[in-house]
Protein backbone atom coordinates (compact mmCIF):
# COMPACT_ATOMS: atom_id res chain seq x y z
CA MET A 1 -0.82 -64.98 -43.07
CA THR A 2 -2.12 -66.17 -39.94
CA TYR A 3 -5.01 -63.18 -38.15
CA SER A 4 -7.89 -63.10 -36.10
CA LEU A 5 -10.05 -61.16 -34.38
CA ILE A 6 -10.53 -60.89 -30.62
CA GLU A 7 -13.21 -59.06 -28.46
CA LEU A 8 -12.15 -57.24 -25.07
CA ASP A 9 -14.07 -55.78 -22.70
CA SER A 10 -13.24 -52.58 -22.20
CA ALA A 11 -11.72 -53.30 -18.39
CA GLU A 12 -9.09 -54.51 -20.71
CA LYS A 13 -8.19 -51.17 -22.08
CA CYS A 14 -5.31 -50.60 -20.12
CA ALA A 15 -3.51 -53.25 -21.28
CA ARG A 16 0.54 -53.73 -22.11
CA VAL A 17 1.66 -54.43 -25.51
CA SER A 18 2.91 -57.71 -23.79
CA ASP A 19 0.01 -58.86 -22.46
CA LEU A 20 -1.80 -58.48 -25.85
CA LEU A 21 1.01 -60.43 -27.07
CA LYS A 22 0.06 -63.60 -24.98
CA ILE A 23 -3.35 -63.04 -25.15
CA SER A 24 -3.68 -63.44 -28.60
CA ARG A 25 -1.05 -66.34 -28.22
CA LEU A 26 1.47 -64.56 -30.69
CA CYS A 27 3.85 -65.61 -27.65
CA LYS A 28 3.41 -68.25 -25.23
CA SER A 29 4.87 -65.90 -22.47
CA ASN A 30 5.77 -62.90 -20.94
CA THR A 31 9.41 -63.46 -21.49
CA GLU A 32 8.68 -64.21 -24.64
CA ALA A 33 6.98 -61.38 -25.69
CA LYS A 34 8.60 -58.81 -23.98
CA THR A 35 11.90 -60.82 -25.95
CA LEU A 36 10.27 -60.16 -29.08
CA ILE A 37 9.50 -55.84 -28.12
CA ALA A 38 13.29 -56.01 -27.46
CA ASP A 39 14.64 -56.90 -30.48
CA LYS A 40 11.75 -55.05 -32.41
CA GLY A 41 9.66 -57.67 -34.38
CA CYS A 42 6.39 -56.56 -33.05
CA LYS A 43 4.67 -53.48 -34.43
CA LEU A 44 1.17 -51.71 -33.00
CA ASN A 45 -0.46 -50.22 -35.76
CA ASP A 46 1.68 -50.40 -37.87
CA VAL A 47 3.89 -48.64 -35.59
CA LEU A 48 7.55 -50.11 -34.26
CA VAL A 49 7.02 -51.19 -30.26
CA GLU A 50 10.52 -49.84 -28.77
CA LYS A 51 9.53 -50.80 -25.50
CA ASP A 52 6.61 -52.54 -23.36
CA ARG A 53 3.86 -50.00 -22.50
CA GLU A 54 -0.01 -49.94 -21.74
CA VAL A 55 -2.32 -49.52 -24.71
CA THR A 56 -4.38 -46.39 -24.61
CA THR A 57 -7.48 -45.36 -26.10
CA ASP A 58 -4.95 -42.77 -28.29
CA ASP A 59 -3.71 -46.20 -29.93
CA PHE A 60 -7.00 -47.55 -31.24
CA LEU A 61 -8.46 -47.11 -34.92
CA HIS A 62 -12.11 -45.50 -35.22
CA GLY A 63 -12.32 -45.63 -31.46
CA LYS A 64 -11.77 -49.29 -31.18
CA TYR A 65 -9.50 -51.53 -33.21
CA VAL A 66 -6.14 -51.91 -32.49
CA VAL A 67 -3.86 -53.93 -35.16
CA LEU A 68 -1.00 -55.97 -32.86
CA LYS A 69 1.74 -57.62 -36.04
CA LYS A 70 4.65 -60.55 -35.01
CA GLY A 71 7.33 -59.88 -37.89
CA LYS A 72 5.99 -59.83 -41.21
CA LYS A 73 3.06 -62.42 -41.68
CA SER A 74 1.13 -62.77 -38.02
CA TYR A 75 -1.06 -60.34 -36.68
CA PHE A 76 -4.21 -60.09 -34.71
CA ILE A 77 -6.55 -57.02 -34.36
CA PHE A 78 -8.74 -56.80 -31.36
CA LYS A 79 -11.72 -55.35 -30.71
CA PHE A 80 -12.19 -53.08 -27.80
CA ASN A 81 -16.21 -53.30 -26.73
């Protein structure tokens, strides 16, 4: 199981799911991230991501966390300041 915590500034709150996949290094490129999303291999807070979209404050857990999963074993926790 792979996981990590990444802290991001509030300016990045409107990042897209594909951007977060690239920032976390779960995907090497935007194309790879979009392919992963299209193949239904990505979850945001345990909810399947069906299309690339912006991450909003409504997605935050406890007002500042987002959990991004790739497959079953790799996930990243983002903390927004």
